[in-house]
Amino acid sequence: MANKYSFEGAEQLVTPQLVYYKEIIEANIRRTTQIAGGVDRLWPHVKSHKMAKMVELQMSMGITRFKCATIAEAEMVAAVGCSDALVAYPLIGPNITRFLRLSTAYPTVRFWAIDDDTEMVLELSRQAVAAGCSVRLLMDMDMGMHRTGVALEKAQAMYESWAKLPGIEMRGMHCYDGNRHENDFAQRDAGVSETNAKILKIREALQAQGIDCSVLVMGGTPSFPCHAQGTKEFLSPGTGIIQDAGYRDNFKDLDFTPGGILLTRVISRTDVDAFTLDLGYKAVAADPAGERAEIVGMEYAKTVLQNEEHWVVRVPPEYIKDIPPVGTLLYAIPTHICPTSALYPSVPVVQQGRILDWWEVTARNRKLTY
């Protein structure tokens, strides 16, 4: 089926297969930079793609700071030569040692950690002192998602106590508000502004005591435009750089185009109004509930069932004549690109209608070297 995502050589690829489109992704990066008001405020996360080549592309466009969910991702961005690598995930267990070893291995990179638990910060302090180093630490704030983070009413006292620990350099706060999913921008912005006012008040109180709280890393893709216009702090979008059907549909104000597409083939005609694709949830993110992908040109097709290797869809009666024969190659936009990217060891990258290169999903595994 010919569409704007069609490219030369697609028929030769084994399906299912994720494909990235370089021109679209570059346009999304430029749009992200425009919203932020420049690359200097950007601290984008890499968990959507986990690719060294994607980091290199962003660096070629002026972005040097990156946010990571795993030690492997931090090693990946450090190896590429970033200026700053923030591990935005609580350091617990052996990850404390891994983080310290990684920091020592790349002395020209500024590594940053987050945490929300005093016992773990005490352990981080102990190990940092034993290793003869110090750790740049941001307090992880609970902005309303209630997943990780320090409750705002407890933050100041905890921050003050952490700032006294040897081997710990308190530098600021990590303020991810993944709960800000209001479809209407004005409502989303109002929620962001209300919480930000509380964050800035905490920082003001800390700085009045001479305690460093200069770095705030704020937002995700839906909320970063709100933080961009309401603060002067660092911004950490990520998903919009590749974009998916979920964010496209839920946040109309975000002018990003899906740049990661799944190739899939019809493998069976199961009924007069239904057919099966080779796009099970081992090939596309199993979240969220509901439609996990959208077939380009057949957006009206809806899921009957989906399991590990199969995706059965049904079409309305008026579209029965359009059901493609078995063997037909189709293009589908994932609802959630981040877990989808991690399902593939490498991804072909299309430019000007042809495969330019294959990019390894470098940090797909949770351990590289450290």
Protein backbone atom coordinates (compact mmCIF):
# COMPACT_ATOMS: atom_id res chain seq x y z
CA MET A 1 0.00 0.00 0.00
CA ALA A 2 1.63 3.21 -1.19
CA ASN A 3 1.77 6.03 1.38
CA LYS A 4 4.15 8.70 2.63
CA TYR A 5 6.09 6.05 4.54
CA SER A 6 6.71 3.80 1.53
CA PHE A 7 10.34 3.36 0.55
CA GLU A 8 12.49 1.47 -1.90
CA GLY A 9 13.46 -2.00 -0.70
CA ALA A 10 10.69 -2.38 1.87
CA GLU A 11 9.46 -5.57 0.22
CA GLN A 12 12.83 -7.21 0.89
CA LEU A 13 12.63 -6.74 4.66
CA VAL A 14 11.54 -9.50 6.99
CA THR A 15 8.50 -8.46 9.02
CA PRO A 16 7.62 -7.34 11.56
CA GLN A 17 10.27 -4.60 11.50
CA LEU A 18 10.51 -1.14 13.02
CA VAL A 19 11.73 1.58 10.63
CA TYR A 20 12.93 5.11 11.43
CA TYR A 21 12.59 8.06 9.05
CA LYS A 22 15.54 10.41 9.36
CA GLU A 23 14.01 13.54 7.80
CA ILE A 24 10.94 13.31 10.03
CA ILE A 25 13.04 12.80 13.15
CA GLU A 26 15.29 15.75 12.25
CA ALA A 27 12.20 17.93 11.80
CA ASN A 28 10.92 16.79 15.22
CA ILE A 29 14.28 17.67 16.81
CA ARG A 30 14.15 21.13 15.22
CA ARG A 31 10.61 21.60 16.49
CA THR A 32 11.65 20.50 19.98
CA THR A 33 14.50 23.00 19.93
CA GLN A 34 12.16 25.75 18.73
CA ILE A 35 9.69 25.12 21.57
CA ALA A 36 12.55 25.09 24.10
CA GLY A 37 13.93 28.35 22.78
CA GLY A 38 17.29 26.77 21.97
CA VAL A 39 19.40 23.67 22.51
CA ASP A 40 20.95 25.00 25.72
CA ARG A 41 17.79 24.21 27.71
CA LEU A 42 17.35 20.69 26.36
CA TRP A 43 18.13 17.58 28.40
CA PRO A 44 16.15 14.98 26.39
CA HIS A 45 15.71 11.41 27.52
CA VAL A 46 17.01 8.55 25.38
CA LYS A 47 14.76 5.70 26.55
CA SER A 48 12.48 6.16 23.51
CA HIS A 49 15.22 4.93 21.17
CA LYS A 50 18.25 3.69 23.18
CA MET A 51 20.47 4.35 20.15
CA ALA A 52 23.99 5.74 20.00
CA LYS A 53 23.37 6.85 16.41
CA MET A 54 20.31 8.83 17.50
CA VAL A 55 22.37 10.53 20.19
CA GLU A 56 24.99 11.37 17.58
CA LEU A 57 22.28 12.88 15.38
CA GLN A 58 21.01 15.05 18.23
CA MET A 59 24.56 16.10 19.08
CA SER A 60 25.12 17.10 15.46
CA MET A 61 22.14 19.43 15.95
CA GLY A 62 23.65 21.00 19.08
CA ILE A 63 22.20 18.94 21.95
CA THR A 64 24.84 17.73 24.43
CA ARG A 65 22.94 16.74 27.61
CA PHE A 66 20.96 13.50 27.84
CA LYS A 67 18.71 11.84 30.38
CA CYS A 68 18.85 8.08 30.86
CA ALA A 69 16.73 5.40 32.50
CA THR A 70 19.49 2.79 32.87
CA ILE A 71 23.23 2.60 33.50
CA ALA A 72 23.57 1.08 30.02
CA GLU A 73 21.97 4.17 28.47
CA ALA A 74 24.31 6.39 30.48
CA GLU A 75 27.31 4.41 29.22
CA MET A 76 25.99 4.75 25.67
CA VAL A 77 25.69 8.55 25.77
CA ALA A 78 29.05 8.88 27.54
CA ALA A 79 30.77 6.78 24.87
CA VAL A 80 29.32 9.04 22.18
CA GLY A 81 30.84 12.07 23.91
CA CYS A 82 27.99 13.92 25.59
CA SER A 83 28.69 16.69 28.07
CA ASP A 84 26.20 15.52 30.71
CA ALA A 85 24.54 12.18 31.48
CA LEU A 86 21.70 12.14 33.99
CA VAL A 87 20.59 8.74 35.30
CA ALA A 88 16.99 9.63 36.08
CA TYR A 89 16.27 6.45 38.01
CA PRO A 90 16.92 5.82 41.71
CA LEU A 91 20.33 4.27 42.33
CA ILE A 92 19.86 1.14 44.42
CA GLY A 93 21.79 -2.09 44.99
CA PRO A 94 24.66 -2.76 42.57
CA ASN A 95 23.67 0.21 40.42
CA ILE A 96 25.39 2.48 42.94
CA THR A 97 28.72 0.76 42.29
CA ARG A 98 28.06 0.66 38.54
CA PHE A 99 27.32 4.39 38.49
CA LEU A 100 30.53 5.23 40.36
CA ARG A 101 32.63 2.99 38.11
CA LEU A 102 31.08 4.51 35.01
CA SER A 103 31.71 8.04 36.28
CA THR A 104 35.37 7.18 36.84
CA ALA A 105 35.70 5.62 33.38
CA TYR A 106 34.54 8.79 31.60
CA PRO A 107 36.13 11.68 33.53
CA THR A 108 35.26 14.28 30.86
CA VAL A 109 31.52 13.59 31.17
CA ARG A 110 29.48 15.16 33.97
CA PHE A 111 27.35 12.41 35.47
CA TRP A 112 24.26 13.17 37.51
CA ALA A 113 22.15 10.94 39.75
CA ILE A 114 18.71 11.27 41.33
CA ASP A 115 17.26 9.78 44.51
CA ASP A 116 14.29 10.03 46.85
CA ASP A 117 15.33 7.84 49.79
CA THR A 118 17.61 8.95 52.61
CA GLU A 119 18.96 5.47 53.31
CA MET A 120 20.03 5.07 49.70
CA VAL A 121 21.62 8.53 49.70
CA LEU A 122 23.56 7.57 52.82
CA GLU A 123 24.80 4.45 51.02
CA LEU A 124 25.69 6.49 47.95
CA SER A 125 27.61 8.88 50.22
CA ARG A 126 29.45 6.00 51.87
CA GLN A 127 30.48 4.41 48.58
CA ALA A 128 31.45 7.72 46.99
CA VAL A 129 33.74 8.55 49.92
CA ALA A 130 35.27 5.06 49.77
CA ALA A 131 35.91 5.53 46.05
CA GLY A 132 37.46 8.96 46.62
CA CYS A 133 34.89 10.81 44.53
CA SER A 134 31.70 12.83 44.83
CA VAL A 135 28.30 12.55 43.14
CA ARG A 136 26.24 15.34 41.58
CA LEU A 137 22.79 14.61 42.96
CA LEU A 138 19.33 15.91 42.13
CA MET A 139 16.47 15.24 44.49
CA ASP A 140 13.76 13.34 42.67
CA MET A 141 10.50 15.22 43.27
CA ASP A 142 7.00 13.75 43.29
CA MET A 143 5.23 16.14 40.96
CA GLY A 144 1.94 14.28 41.30
CA MET A 145 2.59 11.00 39.52
CA HIS A 146 3.18 9.13 42.83
CA ARG A 147 5.62 6.71 41.21
CA THR A 148 8.91 7.88 42.68
CA GLY A 149 9.99 11.14 44.24
CA VAL A 150 9.94 13.07 47.50
CA ALA A 151 6.65 14.61 48.56
CA LEU A 152 6.89 18.38 48.17
CA GLU A 153 6.06 19.08 51.83
CA LYS A 154 9.01 16.90 52.95
CA ALA A 155 11.52 18.03 50.35
CA GLN A 156 13.20 21.01 52.00
CA ALA A 157 14.15 19.27 55.24
CA MET A 158 15.41 16.17 53.42
CA TYR A 159 17.39 18.28 50.95
CA GLU A 160 19.05 20.18 53.78
CA SER A 161 20.13 16.94 55.46
CA TRP A 162 21.46 15.44 52.22
CA ALA A 163 23.47 18.58 51.50
CA LYS A 164 25.54 17.91 54.64
CA LEU A 165 26.68 14.44 53.55
CA PRO A 166 30.28 13.83 52.41
CA GLY A 167 30.65 12.70 48.82
CA ILE A 168 27.26 14.21 47.89
CA GLU A 169 27.01 17.41 45.87
CA MET A 170 23.40 18.54 45.99
CA ARG A 171 22.78 20.51 42.81
CA GLY A 172 19.00 20.73 42.39
CA MET A 173 15.85 18.78 41.63
CA HIS A 174 14.56 16.36 39.02
CA CYS A 175 10.95 17.35 38.30
CA TYR A 176 9.31 14.82 35.99
CA ASP A 177 5.53 15.29 35.80
CA GLY A 178 4.37 12.26 33.85
CA ASN A 179 0.92 12.76 35.37
CA ARG A 180 0.34 15.85 33.20
CA HIS A 181 -1.76 14.23 30.50
CA GLU A 182 -4.50 16.81 30.09
CA ASN A 183 -5.47 16.90 26.42
CA ASP A 184 -6.22 20.61 26.57
CA PHE A 185 -3.06 22.69 26.64
CA ALA A 186 -4.52 25.41 28.87
CA GLN A 187 -5.53 22.88 31.51
CA ARG A 188 -2.15 21.14 31.30
CA ASP A 189 -0.35 24.46 31.60
CA ALA A 190 -2.40 25.48 34.63
CA GLY A 191 -1.50 22.25 36.42
CA VAL A 192 2.18 22.63 35.57
CA SER A 193 2.24 26.24 36.74
CA GLU A 194 0.65 25.40 40.09
CA THR A 195 3.23 22.70 40.89
CA ASN A 196 6.15 24.71 39.54
CA ALA A 197 5.31 27.55 41.91
CA LYS A 198 5.77 25.14 44.83
CA ILE A 199 9.07 23.84 43.42
CA LEU A 200 10.45 27.35 42.97
CA LYS A 201 9.45 28.24 46.52
CA ILE A 202 11.41 25.24 47.86
CA ARG A 203 14.44 26.25 45.81
CA GLU A 204 14.22 29.84 47.03
CA ALA A 205 14.20 28.67 50.65
CA LEU A 206 17.22 26.43 50.10
CA GLN A 207 19.23 29.05 48.27
CA ALA A 208 18.47 31.59 50.99
CA GLN A 209 20.52 29.32 53.26
CA GLY A 210 23.38 29.18 50.76
CA ILE A 211 22.52 25.63 49.67
CA ASP A 212 23.05 24.90 45.98
CA CYS A 213 19.78 24.14 44.19
CA SER A 214 20.62 25.69 40.85
CA VAL A 215 19.66 22.86 38.47
CA LEU A 216 16.04 21.94 37.77
CA VAL A 217 15.36 19.33 35.08
CA MET A 218 11.67 19.59 34.30
CA GLY A 219 8.90 17.91 32.37
CA GLY A 220 8.33 15.23 29.78
CA THR A 221 7.12 15.55 26.21
CA PRO A 222 3.51 16.63 27.00
CA SER A 223 4.51 19.17 29.65
CA PHE A 224 7.80 20.57 28.40
CA PRO A 225 6.13 23.34 26.32
CA CYS A 226 4.45 24.51 29.55
CA HIS A 227 7.77 24.54 31.41
CA ALA A 228 9.42 26.19 28.41
CA GLN A 229 7.17 29.24 28.54
CA GLY A 230 6.79 29.37 32.31
CA THR A 231 10.37 28.86 33.52
CA LYS A 232 14.00 29.22 32.46
CA GLU A 233 14.96 25.71 33.57
CA PHE A 234 16.22 22.61 31.76
CA LEU A 235 13.63 20.63 29.80
CA SER A 236 13.53 16.86 29.29
CA PRO A 237 11.22 15.80 26.45
CA GLY A 238 11.95 12.62 24.53
CA THR A 239 9.09 10.72 22.91
CA GLY A 240 8.18 13.56 20.56
CA ILE A 241 11.55 13.31 18.84
CA ILE A 242 10.32 10.06 17.27
CA GLN A 243 6.60 10.51 18.06
CA ASP A 244 3.87 7.91 18.11
CA ALA A 245 0.13 7.65 17.50
CA GLY A 246 -0.69 7.95 21.20
CA TYR A 247 0.95 11.33 21.73
CA ARG A 248 -0.17 12.56 18.30
CA ASP A 249 -3.81 11.86 19.13
CA ASN A 250 -3.79 12.99 22.76
CA PHE A 251 -1.76 16.19 22.47
CA LYS A 252 -2.86 18.09 19.38
CA ASP A 253 -0.79 21.13 20.38
CA LEU A 254 2.47 19.16 19.92
CA ASP A 255 3.43 19.56 16.29
CA PHE A 256 5.40 16.34 15.88
CA THR A 257 5.09 13.71 13.15
CA PRO A 258 5.41 9.96 13.82
CA GLY A 259 8.86 8.95 12.58
CA GLY A 260 8.95 5.33 13.70
CA ILE A 261 6.80 2.96 11.62
CA LEU A 262 6.25 -0.79 11.80
CA LEU A 263 6.34 -2.89 8.65
CA THR A 264 3.91 -5.80 8.85
CA ARG A 265 2.38 -8.34 6.47
CA VAL A 266 -1.04 -9.89 6.10
CA ILE A 267 -0.67 -13.56 7.03
CA SER A 268 -4.28 -14.75 6.98
CA ARG A 269 -7.82 -13.82 5.95
CA THR A 270 -9.84 -14.98 8.96
CA ASP A 271 -13.32 -13.80 8.01
CA VAL A 272 -15.15 -11.82 5.38
CA ASP A 273 -14.45 -8.62 7.33
CA ALA A 274 -11.26 -9.54 9.20
CA PHE A 275 -7.61 -10.38 8.57
CA THR A 276 -4.47 -11.19 10.55
CA LEU A 277 -1.08 -9.45 10.59
CA ASP A 278 2.29 -10.65 11.92
CA LEU A 279 2.31 -7.77 14.42
CA GLY A 280 1.74 -9.34 17.81
CA TYR A 281 2.77 -7.70 21.06
CA LYS A 282 6.26 -9.17 20.72
CA ALA A 283 6.67 -6.66 17.88
CA VAL A 284 4.77 -3.62 19.20
CA ALA A 285 4.44 -2.26 22.73
CA ALA A 286 1.84 -4.13 24.75
CA ASP A 287 0.72 -0.88 26.35
CA PRO A 288 -1.52 1.02 26.59
CA ALA A 289 -4.74 -0.96 26.68
CA GLY A 290 -6.76 -0.76 23.49
CA GLU A 291 -5.36 -0.20 20.03
CA ARG A 292 -1.58 -0.74 20.07
CA ALA A 293 -1.00 0.41 16.50
CA GLU A 294 -2.74 2.15 13.63
CA ILE A 295 -2.53 0.83 10.07
CA VAL A 296 -1.63 3.67 7.72
CA GLY A 297 -4.45 4.12 5.23
CA MET A 298 -6.71 1.74 7.16
CA GLU A 299 -7.20 3.74 10.34
CA TYR A 300 -10.74 2.35 10.55
CA ALA A 301 -9.45 -1.21 11.21
CA LYS A 302 -9.95 -2.21 14.85
CA THR A 303 -8.46 -4.99 16.94
CA VAL A 304 -10.33 -8.26 17.37
CA LEU A 305 -7.50 -9.87 19.30
CA GLN A 306 -3.77 -9.56 19.63
CA ASN A 307 -1.30 -11.97 21.17
CA GLU A 308 2.39 -12.79 20.91
CA GLU A 309 2.79 -13.16 17.13
CA HIS A 310 -0.64 -12.31 15.72
CA TRP A 311 -2.83 -9.23 15.34
CA VAL A 312 -6.37 -9.80 14.11
CA VAL A 313 -8.26 -6.72 12.91
CA ARG A 314 -11.77 -6.16 11.62
CA VAL A 315 -13.04 -3.49 9.23
CA PRO A 316 -16.51 -1.93 8.89
CA PRO A 317 -18.77 -3.42 6.16
CA GLU A 318 -18.15 -0.54 3.77
CA TYR A 319 -14.40 -1.30 3.75
CA ILE A 320 -14.50 -5.06 3.19
CA LYS A 321 -13.51 -4.63 -0.45
CA ASP A 322 -10.30 -2.89 0.68
CA ILE A 323 -8.95 -5.80 2.73
CA PRO A 324 -5.54 -6.60 1.19
CA PRO A 325 -4.64 -10.11 0.06
CA VAL A 326 -2.41 -12.41 2.11
CA GLY A 327 1.24 -11.40 1.75
CA THR A 328 0.54 -7.65 1.42
CA LEU A 329 3.02 -5.34 3.14
CA LEU A 330 1.42 -2.70 5.37
CA TYR A 331 2.70 0.16 7.51
CA ALA A 332 1.55 0.72 11.09
CA ILE A 333 2.17 3.54 13.56
CA PRO A 334 2.76 2.26 17.12
CA THR A 335 0.63 3.78 19.85
CA HIS A 336 3.65 3.78 22.19
CA ILE A 337 7.07 4.04 20.54
CA CYS A 338 9.33 3.74 23.62
CA PRO A 339 8.79 0.04 24.49
CA THR A 340 8.42 -0.74 20.80
CA SER A 341 11.96 0.45 20.01
CA ALA A 342 13.41 -1.87 22.66
CA LEU A 343 11.88 -4.91 20.91
CA TYR A 344 14.31 -4.65 17.96
CA PRO A 345 18.10 -5.21 17.93
CA SER A 346 18.54 -2.81 15.00
CA VAL A 347 16.40 -0.48 12.89
CA PRO A 348 16.71 0.55 9.23
CA VAL A 349 16.82 4.32 8.79
CA VAL A 350 15.14 5.72 5.70
CA GLN A 351 16.19 8.95 4.00
CA GLN A 352 14.83 10.26 0.70
CA GLY A 353 12.85 7.08 0.16
CA ARG A 354 15.76 4.69 0.59
CA ILE A 355 17.44 2.82 3.43
CA LEU A 356 20.36 5.00 4.50
CA ASP A 357 21.73 2.77 7.26
CA TRP A 358 20.86 0.31 10.02
CA TRP A 359 21.11 1.73 13.54
CA GLU A 360 21.78 -0.61 16.45
CA VAL A 361 19.51 -0.27 19.47
CA THR A 362 22.67 0.09 21.54
CA ALA A 363 21.29 0.10 25.09
CA ARG A 364 18.50 -2.41 24.50
CA ASN A 365 20.11 -4.63 27.13
CA ARG A 366 20.51 -3.42 30.69
CA LYS A 367 24.27 -3.89 30.77
CA LEU A 368 26.99 -2.94 28.30
CA THR A 369 30.33 -2.82 30.12
CA TYR A 370 29.64 -1.44 33.61
